[in-house]
Amino acid sequence: MAEDVFQATFLQLHLKADQFEEGRKVRPWLYTIATNQAIDAQRRNRRHKMVSLDRRGQTDSVGDDVGSLIELLTSKEPGATTNLEGEERRQWIQQAVQDLPEALRQAVLLVYYQGLKYREAADVLEIPVGTVKSRMHAAILKLNEQWAQTHSADRE
């Protein structure tokens, strides 16, 4: 899957090269594309995992135990509603991050999605560590504010 994401990332770089703004740094742009490709690949991978509903106690080709429909329905695993709410929340967060100003979005993508430490993100963005921290703080405040505005209407 990592190889597929790697190839898809560089395919997107090639296809979108004409949209790259002169004077911008290439590395944050590359990280953003790579992050989005990885997220999409994981989403596709989760969506296509299949489970047999009528076989009991067998193991599928990946070694996962496959249960019967009754076992799935009585399972302590999160239900469809919980999974749907979680997916909606993930989609909302992903869109909210995409709507952040470029500088804040780059910091969030590198620190949260890529898992870089503040020092590493600072090196990639070629800015001081304190600036990465302040951008992360600003991004979190903005996301919390948007969440409160969006979801306060849901509670009424």
Protein backbone atom coordinates (compact mmCIF):
# COMPACT_ATOMS: atom_id res chain seq x y z
CA MET A 1 0.00 0.00 0.00
CA ALA A 2 2.91 2.35 0.78
CA GLU A 3 4.32 1.84 -2.70
CA ASP A 4 0.94 2.66 -4.22
CA VAL A 5 0.72 5.86 -2.16
CA PHE A 6 4.28 6.76 -3.16
CA GLN A 7 3.45 6.34 -6.85
CA ALA A 8 0.13 8.17 -6.53
CA THR A 9 1.89 11.06 -4.80
CA PHE A 10 4.37 11.55 -7.60
CA LEU A 11 1.67 11.08 -10.21
CA GLN A 12 -0.28 13.91 -8.53
CA LEU A 13 2.87 16.06 -8.45
CA HIS A 14 3.27 15.52 -12.18
CA LEU A 15 -0.40 16.15 -12.96
CA LYS A 16 -0.63 19.26 -10.77
CA ALA A 17 2.80 20.73 -11.55
CA ASP A 18 1.24 23.56 -13.56
CA GLN A 19 -0.75 24.60 -10.47
CA PHE A 20 2.36 25.01 -8.31
CA GLU A 21 2.87 28.66 -7.47
CA GLU A 22 6.33 29.98 -8.21
CA GLY A 23 8.11 31.12 -5.08
CA ARG A 24 6.41 28.57 -2.80
CA LYS A 25 8.41 25.88 -1.08
CA VAL A 26 8.16 22.47 -2.73
CA ARG A 27 8.58 20.35 0.41
CA PRO A 28 5.35 21.43 2.21
CA TRP A 29 3.45 21.02 -1.07
CA LEU A 30 4.90 17.51 -1.47
CA TYR A 31 4.04 16.61 2.16
CA THR A 32 0.49 17.85 1.69
CA ILE A 33 -0.02 15.76 -1.44
CA ALA A 34 1.58 12.71 0.20
CA THR A 35 -0.59 13.10 3.30
CA ASN A 36 -3.77 13.36 1.26
CA GLN A 37 -2.80 10.33 -0.84
CA ALA A 38 -2.10 8.29 2.33
CA ILE A 39 -5.43 9.28 3.88
CA ASP A 40 -7.28 8.38 0.67
CA ALA A 41 -5.50 5.01 0.44
CA GLN A 42 -6.37 4.12 4.02
CA ARG A 43 -9.97 5.14 3.46
CA ARG A 44 -10.15 2.95 0.33
CA ASN A 45 -8.51 0.06 2.17
CA ARG A 46 -11.01 0.23 5.05
CA ARG A 47 -13.95 0.50 2.68
CA HIS A 48 -13.03 -2.63 0.73
CA LYS A 49 -12.38 -5.01 3.62
CA MET A 50 -14.88 -7.82 3.21
CA VAL A 51 -16.29 -10.15 5.83
CA SER A 52 -18.23 -13.32 5.19
CA LEU A 53 -21.56 -13.26 7.02
CA ASP A 54 -22.36 -16.96 6.83
CA ARG A 55 -19.14 -18.74 7.74
CA ARG A 56 -18.36 -19.56 11.34
CA GLY A 57 -14.89 -19.98 12.80
CA GLN A 58 -12.97 -19.78 9.54
CA THR A 59 -9.94 -17.67 8.86
CA ASP A 60 -9.74 -15.45 5.81
CA SER A 61 -6.69 -15.08 3.57
CA VAL A 62 -5.16 -12.37 5.79
CA GLY A 63 -5.51 -14.44 8.97
CA ASP A 64 -8.47 -12.57 10.45
CA ASP A 65 -11.12 -14.66 12.17
CA VAL A 66 -14.39 -14.48 10.31
CA GLY A 67 -17.57 -14.93 12.34
CA SER A 68 -21.21 -15.49 11.63
CA LEU A 69 -23.81 -12.77 11.16
CA ILE A 70 -25.12 -13.36 14.70
CA GLU A 71 -21.63 -12.90 16.15
CA LEU A 72 -21.25 -9.66 14.21
CA LEU A 73 -24.62 -8.37 15.37
CA THR A 74 -23.99 -9.22 19.03
CA SER A 75 -20.39 -8.09 18.95
CA LYS A 76 -19.06 -5.51 21.34
CA GLU A 77 -17.51 -3.76 18.34
CA PRO A 78 -18.86 -0.28 17.59
CA GLY A 79 -22.14 -0.42 15.69
CA ALA A 80 -22.97 1.06 12.31
CA THR A 81 -24.29 4.27 13.85
CA THR A 82 -21.14 4.77 15.91
CA ASN A 83 -18.96 4.04 12.88
CA LEU A 84 -21.00 6.46 10.75
CA GLU A 85 -20.72 9.21 13.35
CA GLY A 86 -16.98 8.60 13.58
CA GLU A 87 -16.62 8.76 9.81
CA GLU A 88 -18.68 11.95 9.62
CA ARG A 89 -16.51 13.46 12.35
CA ARG A 90 -13.32 12.46 10.47
CA GLN A 91 -14.67 13.96 7.24
CA TRP A 92 -15.64 17.18 9.04
CA ILE A 93 -12.16 17.44 10.57
CA GLN A 94 -10.45 16.73 7.25
CA GLN A 95 -12.52 19.44 5.52
CA ALA A 96 -11.96 21.90 8.38
CA VAL A 97 -8.19 21.31 8.16
CA GLN A 98 -8.32 21.84 4.37
CA ASP A 99 -10.14 25.16 4.98
CA LEU A 100 -7.42 26.46 7.31
CA PRO A 101 -5.08 29.15 5.99
CA GLU A 102 -2.09 27.60 4.17
CA ALA A 103 0.47 28.25 6.93
CA LEU A 104 -1.72 26.70 9.63
CA ARG A 105 -2.73 23.77 7.41
CA GLN A 106 0.90 22.93 6.63
CA ALA A 107 1.77 22.81 10.33
CA VAL A 108 -1.22 20.59 11.15
CA LEU A 109 -0.53 18.22 8.25
CA LEU A 110 3.11 17.80 9.19
CA VAL A 111 2.63 17.45 12.96
CA TYR A 112 -0.66 15.51 13.20
CA TYR A 113 -0.95 13.61 9.94
CA GLN A 114 2.74 13.02 9.20
CA GLY A 115 3.64 12.60 12.88
CA LEU A 116 6.64 14.91 12.73
CA LYS A 117 8.00 16.50 15.88
CA TYR A 118 7.86 20.30 16.08
CA ARG A 119 11.61 20.51 15.33
CA GLU A 120 11.23 18.32 12.23
CA ALA A 121 8.22 20.31 11.01
CA ALA A 122 10.19 23.52 11.56
CA ASP A 123 13.04 22.13 9.45
CA VAL A 124 10.65 21.12 6.64
CA LEU A 125 8.92 24.52 6.65
CA GLU A 126 12.22 26.34 7.22
CA ILE A 127 10.78 28.35 10.12
CA PRO A 128 11.59 28.55 13.85
CA VAL A 129 10.15 25.91 16.20
CA GLY A 130 8.26 28.63 18.09
CA THR A 131 6.45 29.56 14.89
CA VAL A 132 5.37 25.95 14.37
CA LYS A 133 4.04 25.89 17.95
CA SER A 134 2.16 29.16 17.53
CA ARG A 135 0.67 27.99 14.22
CA MET A 136 -0.44 24.73 15.82
CA HIS A 137 -1.99 26.65 18.71
CA ALA A 138 -3.80 29.00 16.30
CA ALA A 139 -4.99 26.08 14.17
CA ILE A 140 -6.37 24.21 17.17
CA LEU A 141 -8.17 27.31 18.42
CA LYS A 142 -9.67 27.90 14.97
CA LEU A 143 -10.76 24.25 14.63
CA ASN A 144 -12.31 24.26 18.13
CA GLU A 145 -14.15 27.47 17.29
CA GLN A 146 -15.48 26.03 14.02
CA TRP A 147 -16.50 22.81 15.80
CA ALA A 148 -18.42 24.75 18.44
CA GLN A 149 -20.21 26.86 15.81
CA THR A 150 -21.06 23.90 13.59
CA HIS A 151 -22.16 21.55 16.33
CA SER A 152 -24.00 23.99 18.57
CA ALA A 153 -26.82 23.98 16.00
CA ASP A 154 -26.93 20.15 16.22
CA ARG A 155 -27.68 20.28 19.95
CA GLU A 156 -30.63 22.67 19.63
